[in-house]
Amino acid sequence: MVDSNRGGKRAEDVFSEWWALTESRLWRYARGLGLSPDTARDLMQSIALSLLRDRERIGSLDQFRAFAFRRLAWLRLAEIEERRHEVAFDEDVHEQAAETADPLAEELHVALAQAIGALPTTQRMVLEAHLEGQSVREIAAKLGVTEATVRSHSRHARLKLAQALSEFAQSK
């Protein structure tokens, strides 16, 4: 730890002390993000290792905590993004829908799915949370960002989807 006010403590001792002061809050935050206990434990272990590796650049308890919480939010985003890519597309259901649905409606569905898939991760997460009925305040708490940031992501996502729908309409 870079902190000159360590009082002669070794960096490892300062790390242990700061981790003890941060761990329970980080755990509550991880669980508040909807993580299972096992996943939360794994991510916290990854964060502890990152903090330990970067301990010489962290100069205060506030920086330590900020790093830990930011890292948890980004690991959660990465996990969601990875899970999104793992979801298999059920071709049978898609083929059945294509056979029975209006072809224009099917094209619109595909265009909208592509537009949503092209959104940046945070914009897509905010959009999905809104569609699930979560409030701006709830989304901000879950992502660890301000309400203004959530509103900004929401606005940008809606603008991009509106542009995609406009382009679809013009092509027809």
C-alpha atoms as a PDB file:
ATOM      1  CA  MET A   1       0.000   0.000   0.000  1.00  0.00           C
ATOM      2  CA  VAL A   2       1.276   3.426  -0.899  1.00  0.00           C
ATOM      3  CA  ASP A   3      -0.293   5.166   2.107  1.00  0.00           C
ATOM      4  CA  SER A   4       2.464   6.975   4.009  1.00  0.00           C
ATOM      5  CA  ASN A   5       0.301   6.958   7.151  1.00  0.00           C
ATOM      6  CA  ARG A   6       0.605   3.220   7.681  1.00  0.00           C
ATOM      7  CA  GLY A   7       2.410   3.692  10.939  1.00  0.00           C
ATOM      8  CA  GLY A   8       5.143   1.212  10.056  1.00  0.00           C
ATOM      9  CA  LYS A   9       2.725  -1.579   9.130  1.00  0.00           C
ATOM     10  CA  ARG A  10       3.642  -3.980   6.365  1.00  0.00           C
ATOM     11  CA  ALA A  11       1.637  -3.707   3.130  1.00  0.00           C
ATOM     12  CA  GLU A  12       0.190  -7.182   3.716  1.00  0.00           C
ATOM     13  CA  ASP A  13      -1.062  -6.178   7.164  1.00  0.00           C
ATOM     14  CA  VAL A  14      -2.662  -3.020   5.781  1.00  0.00           C
ATOM     15  CA  PHE A  15      -4.253  -5.080   3.004  1.00  0.00           C
ATOM     16  CA  SER A  16      -5.696  -7.542   5.546  1.00  0.00           C
ATOM     17  CA  GLU A  17      -7.031  -4.703   7.679  1.00  0.00           C
ATOM     18  CA  TRP A  18      -8.622  -2.898   4.722  1.00  0.00           C
ATOM     19  CA  TRP A  19     -10.086  -6.129   3.339  1.00  0.00           C
ATOM     20  CA  ALA A  20     -11.675  -6.867   6.728  1.00  0.00           C
ATOM     21  CA  LEU A  21     -13.239  -3.382   6.680  1.00  0.00           C
ATOM     22  CA  THR A  22     -14.531  -3.815   3.118  1.00  0.00           C
ATOM     23  CA  GLU A  23     -15.506  -7.474   2.825  1.00  0.00           C
ATOM     24  CA  SER A  24     -18.950  -7.426   4.472  1.00  0.00           C
ATOM     25  CA  ARG A  25     -20.107  -4.385   2.474  1.00  0.00           C
ATOM     26  CA  LEU A  26     -18.814  -5.931  -0.736  1.00  0.00           C
ATOM     27  CA  TRP A  27     -20.634  -9.180   0.094  1.00  0.00           C
ATOM     28  CA  ARG A  28     -23.941  -7.348   0.631  1.00  0.00           C
ATOM     29  CA  TYR A  29     -23.434  -5.454  -2.622  1.00  0.00           C
ATOM     30  CA  ALA A  30     -22.677  -8.691  -4.499  1.00  0.00           C
ATOM     31  CA  ARG A  31     -25.791 -10.358  -3.126  1.00  0.00           C
ATOM     32  CA  GLY A  32     -27.792  -7.206  -3.923  1.00  0.00           C
ATOM     33  CA  LEU A  33     -26.704  -7.602  -7.547  1.00  0.00           C
ATOM     34  CA  GLY A  34     -28.507 -10.941  -7.553  1.00  0.00           C
ATOM     35  CA  LEU A  35     -25.406 -13.107  -7.370  1.00  0.00           C
ATOM     36  CA  SER A  36     -25.649 -16.557  -5.850  1.00  0.00           C
ATOM     37  CA  PRO A  37     -23.502 -17.113  -2.761  1.00  0.00           C
ATOM     38  CA  ASP A  38     -21.055 -19.261  -4.756  1.00  0.00           C
ATOM     39  CA  THR A  39     -20.716 -16.731  -7.565  1.00  0.00           C
ATOM     40  CA  ALA A  40     -20.389 -13.860  -5.077  1.00  0.00           C
ATOM     41  CA  ARG A  41     -17.660 -15.782  -3.245  1.00  0.00           C
ATOM     42  CA  ASP A  42     -15.806 -16.490  -6.508  1.00  0.00           C
ATOM     43  CA  LEU A  43     -15.981 -12.873  -7.646  1.00  0.00           C
ATOM     44  CA  MET A  44     -14.866 -11.605  -4.250  1.00  0.00           C
ATOM     45  CA  GLN A  45     -11.886 -13.940  -4.367  1.00  0.00           C
ATOM     46  CA  SER A  46     -11.010 -12.576  -7.808  1.00  0.00           C
ATOM     47  CA  ILE A  47     -11.329  -9.014  -6.473  1.00  0.00           C
ATOM     48  CA  ALA A  48      -9.129  -9.799  -3.459  1.00  0.00           C
ATOM     49  CA  LEU A  49      -6.456 -11.184  -5.784  1.00  0.00           C
ATOM     50  CA  SER A  50      -6.680  -8.092  -8.017  1.00  0.00           C
ATOM     51  CA  LEU A  51      -6.363  -5.821  -4.994  1.00  0.00           C
ATOM     52  CA  LEU A  52      -3.426  -7.813  -3.672  1.00  0.00           C
ATOM     53  CA  ARG A  53      -1.718  -7.662  -7.049  1.00  0.00           C
ATOM     54  CA  ASP A  54      -2.270  -3.881  -7.350  1.00  0.00           C
ATOM     55  CA  ARG A  55      -1.720  -3.051  -3.664  1.00  0.00           C
ATOM     56  CA  GLU A  56       1.292  -0.843  -4.325  1.00  0.00           C
ATOM     57  CA  ARG A  57      -0.829   1.562  -6.397  1.00  0.00           C
ATOM     58  CA  ILE A  58      -3.631   1.884  -3.839  1.00  0.00           C
ATOM     59  CA  GLY A  59      -2.984   4.724  -1.449  1.00  0.00           C
ATOM     60  CA  SER A  60      -5.969   4.848   0.876  1.00  0.00           C
ATOM     61  CA  LEU A  61      -8.891   2.875   2.244  1.00  0.00           C
ATOM     62  CA  ASP A  62     -11.238   4.922   0.035  1.00  0.00           C
ATOM     63  CA  GLN A  63      -9.265   3.973  -3.091  1.00  0.00           C
ATOM     64  CA  PHE A  64      -9.207   0.358  -1.916  1.00  0.00           C
ATOM     65  CA  ARG A  65     -12.994   0.281  -1.512  1.00  0.00           C
ATOM     66  CA  ALA A  66     -13.639   2.134  -4.766  1.00  0.00           C
ATOM     67  CA  PHE A  67     -11.426  -0.327  -6.633  1.00  0.00           C
ATOM     68  CA  ALA A  68     -13.215  -3.302  -5.026  1.00  0.00           C
ATOM     69  CA  PHE A  69     -16.731  -2.077  -5.787  1.00  0.00           C
ATOM     70  CA  ARG A  70     -15.872  -0.987  -9.342  1.00  0.00           C
ATOM     71  CA  ARG A  71     -14.215  -4.329  -9.997  1.00  0.00           C
ATOM     72  CA  LEU A  72     -17.285  -6.183  -8.711  1.00  0.00           C
ATOM     73  CA  ALA A  73     -19.603  -4.156 -10.954  1.00  0.00           C
ATOM     74  CA  TRP A  74     -17.426  -4.820 -14.007  1.00  0.00           C
ATOM     75  CA  LEU A  75     -17.086  -8.528 -13.208  1.00  0.00           C
ATOM     76  CA  ARG A  76     -20.880  -8.713 -12.916  1.00  0.00           C
ATOM     77  CA  LEU A  77     -21.273  -6.989 -16.283  1.00  0.00           C
ATOM     78  CA  ALA A  78     -18.762  -9.388 -17.832  1.00  0.00           C
ATOM     79  CA  GLU A  79     -20.621 -12.361 -16.349  1.00  0.00           C
ATOM     80  CA  ILE A  80     -23.934 -11.139 -17.776  1.00  0.00           C
ATOM     81  CA  GLU A  81     -22.343 -10.566 -21.174  1.00  0.00           C
ATOM     82  CA  GLU A  82     -20.779 -14.038 -21.143  1.00  0.00           C
ATOM     83  CA  ARG A  83     -24.072 -15.637 -20.129  1.00  0.00           C
ATOM     84  CA  ARG A  84     -25.858 -13.774 -22.924  1.00  0.00           C
ATOM     85  CA  HIS A  85     -23.489 -15.332 -25.452  1.00  0.00           C
ATOM     86  CA  GLU A  86     -23.990 -18.799 -23.982  1.00  0.00           C
ATOM     87  CA  VAL A  87     -27.740 -18.772 -24.521  1.00  0.00           C
ATOM     88  CA  ALA A  88     -28.429 -21.106 -27.385  1.00  0.00           C
ATOM     89  CA  PHE A  89     -30.844 -20.073 -30.088  1.00  0.00           C
ATOM     90  CA  ASP A  90     -33.636 -22.611 -30.409  1.00  0.00           C
ATOM     91  CA  GLU A  91     -33.902 -23.073 -34.168  1.00  0.00           C
ATOM     92  CA  ASP A  92     -37.008 -25.276 -33.977  1.00  0.00           C
ATOM     93  CA  VAL A  93     -39.015 -22.601 -32.182  1.00  0.00           C
ATOM     94  CA  HIS A  94     -37.700 -19.971 -34.603  1.00  0.00           C
ATOM     95  CA  GLU A  95     -38.666 -22.093 -37.628  1.00  0.00           C
ATOM     96  CA  GLN A  96     -42.147 -22.755 -36.219  1.00  0.00           C
ATOM     97  CA  ALA A  97     -42.663 -19.049 -35.595  1.00  0.00           C
ATOM     98  CA  ALA A  98     -41.470 -18.239 -39.107  1.00  0.00           C
ATOM     99  CA  GLU A  99     -43.912 -20.718 -40.635  1.00  0.00           C
ATOM    100  CA  THR A 100     -46.941 -19.409 -38.756  1.00  0.00           C
ATOM    101  CA  ALA A 101     -46.144 -15.720 -38.307  1.00  0.00           C
ATOM    102  CA  ASP A 102     -46.501 -12.827 -40.673  1.00  0.00           C
ATOM    103  CA  PRO A 103     -43.197 -12.565 -42.625  1.00  0.00           C
ATOM    104  CA  LEU A 104     -43.003  -8.813 -42.004  1.00  0.00           C
ATOM    105  CA  ALA A 105     -43.522  -9.335 -38.278  1.00  0.00           C
ATOM    106  CA  GLU A 106     -40.771 -11.964 -38.301  1.00  0.00           C
ATOM    107  CA  GLU A 107     -38.401  -9.564 -40.098  1.00  0.00           C
ATOM    108  CA  LEU A 108     -39.241  -6.852 -37.578  1.00  0.00           C
ATOM    109  CA  HIS A 109     -38.583  -9.276 -34.708  1.00  0.00           C
ATOM    110  CA  VAL A 110     -35.173 -10.190 -36.156  1.00  0.00           C
ATOM    111  CA  ALA A 111     -34.264  -6.536 -36.788  1.00  0.00           C
ATOM    112  CA  LEU A 112     -35.243  -5.570 -33.248  1.00  0.00           C
ATOM    113  CA  ALA A 113     -33.318  -8.500 -31.745  1.00  0.00           C
ATOM    114  CA  GLN A 114     -30.243  -7.505 -33.745  1.00  0.00           C
ATOM    115  CA  ALA A 115     -30.565  -3.878 -32.646  1.00  0.00           C
ATOM    116  CA  ILE A 116     -30.860  -4.894 -28.996  1.00  0.00           C
ATOM    117  CA  GLY A 117     -27.921  -7.271 -29.372  1.00  0.00           C
ATOM    118  CA  ALA A 118     -25.820  -4.462 -30.843  1.00  0.00           C
ATOM    119  CA  LEU A 119     -26.355  -2.202 -27.815  1.00  0.00           C
ATOM    120  CA  PRO A 120     -23.430  -1.777 -25.433  1.00  0.00           C
ATOM    121  CA  THR A 121     -23.711  -4.059 -22.399  1.00  0.00           C
ATOM    122  CA  THR A 122     -24.716  -1.386 -19.903  1.00  0.00           C
ATOM    123  CA  GLN A 123     -27.376   0.081 -22.201  1.00  0.00           C
ATOM    124  CA  ARG A 124     -28.790  -3.392 -22.821  1.00  0.00           C
ATOM    125  CA  MET A 125     -28.803  -4.154 -19.078  1.00  0.00           C
ATOM    126  CA  VAL A 126     -30.651  -0.916 -18.325  1.00  0.00           C
ATOM    127  CA  LEU A 127     -33.175  -1.584 -21.099  1.00  0.00           C
ATOM    128  CA  GLU A 128     -33.802  -5.140 -19.896  1.00  0.00           C
ATOM    129  CA  ALA A 129     -34.207  -3.961 -16.300  1.00  0.00           C
ATOM    130  CA  HIS A 130     -36.738  -1.332 -17.428  1.00  0.00           C
ATOM    131  CA  LEU A 131     -38.647  -4.005 -19.340  1.00  0.00           C
ATOM    132  CA  GLU A 132     -38.691  -6.128 -16.174  1.00  0.00           C
ATOM    133  CA  GLY A 133     -40.380  -3.206 -14.418  1.00  0.00           C
ATOM    134  CA  GLN A 134     -37.455  -2.029 -12.287  1.00  0.00           C
ATOM    135  CA  SER A 135     -37.294   1.627 -11.349  1.00  0.00           C
ATOM    136  CA  VAL A 136     -34.398   3.936 -12.217  1.00  0.00           C
ATOM    137  CA  ARG A 137     -33.421   3.936  -8.540  1.00  0.00           C
ATOM    138  CA  GLU A 138     -33.395   0.108  -8.398  1.00  0.00           C
ATOM    139  CA  ILE A 139     -31.328  -0.164 -11.577  1.00  0.00           C
ATOM    140  CA  ALA A 140     -28.839   2.425 -10.325  1.00  0.00           C
ATOM    141  CA  ALA A 141     -28.414   0.536  -7.048  1.00  0.00           C
ATOM    142  CA  LYS A 142     -27.980  -2.775  -8.850  1.00  0.00           C
ATOM    143  CA  LEU A 143     -25.345  -1.412 -11.247  1.00  0.00           C
ATOM    144  CA  GLY A 144     -23.642   0.791  -8.689  1.00  0.00           C
ATOM    145  CA  VAL A 145     -24.093   3.970 -10.742  1.00  0.00           C
ATOM    146  CA  THR A 146     -26.073   7.184 -10.330  1.00  0.00           C
ATOM    147  CA  GLU A 147     -29.683   7.548 -11.395  1.00  0.00           C
ATOM    148  CA  ALA A 148     -28.553  10.132 -13.963  1.00  0.00           C
ATOM    149  CA  THR A 149     -26.262   7.527 -15.520  1.00  0.00           C
ATOM    150  CA  VAL A 150     -29.149   5.054 -15.735  1.00  0.00           C
ATOM    151  CA  ARG A 151     -31.352   7.678 -17.407  1.00  0.00           C
ATOM    152  CA  SER A 152     -28.531   8.482 -19.847  1.00  0.00           C
ATOM    153  CA  HIS A 153     -28.014   4.795 -20.745  1.00  0.00           C
ATOM    154  CA  SER A 154     -31.780   4.398 -21.161  1.00  0.00           C
ATOM    155  CA  ARG A 155     -32.062   7.437 -23.418  1.00  0.00           C
ATOM    156  CA  HIS A 156     -29.137   6.346 -25.598  1.00  0.00           C
ATOM    157  CA  ALA A 157     -30.534   2.810 -25.877  1.00  0.00           C
ATOM    158  CA  ARG A 158     -33.974   4.111 -26.904  1.00  0.00           C
ATOM    159  CA  LEU A 159     -32.412   6.432 -29.503  1.00  0.00           C
ATOM    160  CA  LYS A 160     -30.407   3.564 -31.008  1.00  0.00           C
ATOM    161  CA  LEU A 161     -33.472   1.308 -31.117  1.00  0.00           C
ATOM    162  CA  ALA A 162     -35.571   4.083 -32.657  1.00  0.00           C
ATOM    163  CA  GLN A 163     -32.891   4.564 -35.327  1.00  0.00           C
ATOM    164  CA  ALA A 164     -32.841   0.830 -36.062  1.00  0.00           C
ATOM    165  CA  LEU A 165     -36.649   0.727 -36.345  1.00  0.00           C
ATOM    166  CA  SER A 166     -36.599   3.793 -38.589  1.00  0.00           C
ATOM    167  CA  GLU A 167     -34.063   2.147 -40.865  1.00  0.00           C
ATOM    168  CA  PHE A 168     -36.175  -1.026 -40.923  1.00  0.00           C
ATOM    169  CA  ALA A 169     -39.299   0.956 -41.836  1.00  0.00           C
ATOM    170  CA  GLN A 170     -37.465   2.788 -44.627  1.00  0.00           C
ATOM    171  CA  SER A 171     -36.231  -0.504 -46.087  1.00  0.00           C
ATOM    172  CA  LYS A 172     -39.786  -1.816 -46.404  1.00  0.00           C
END
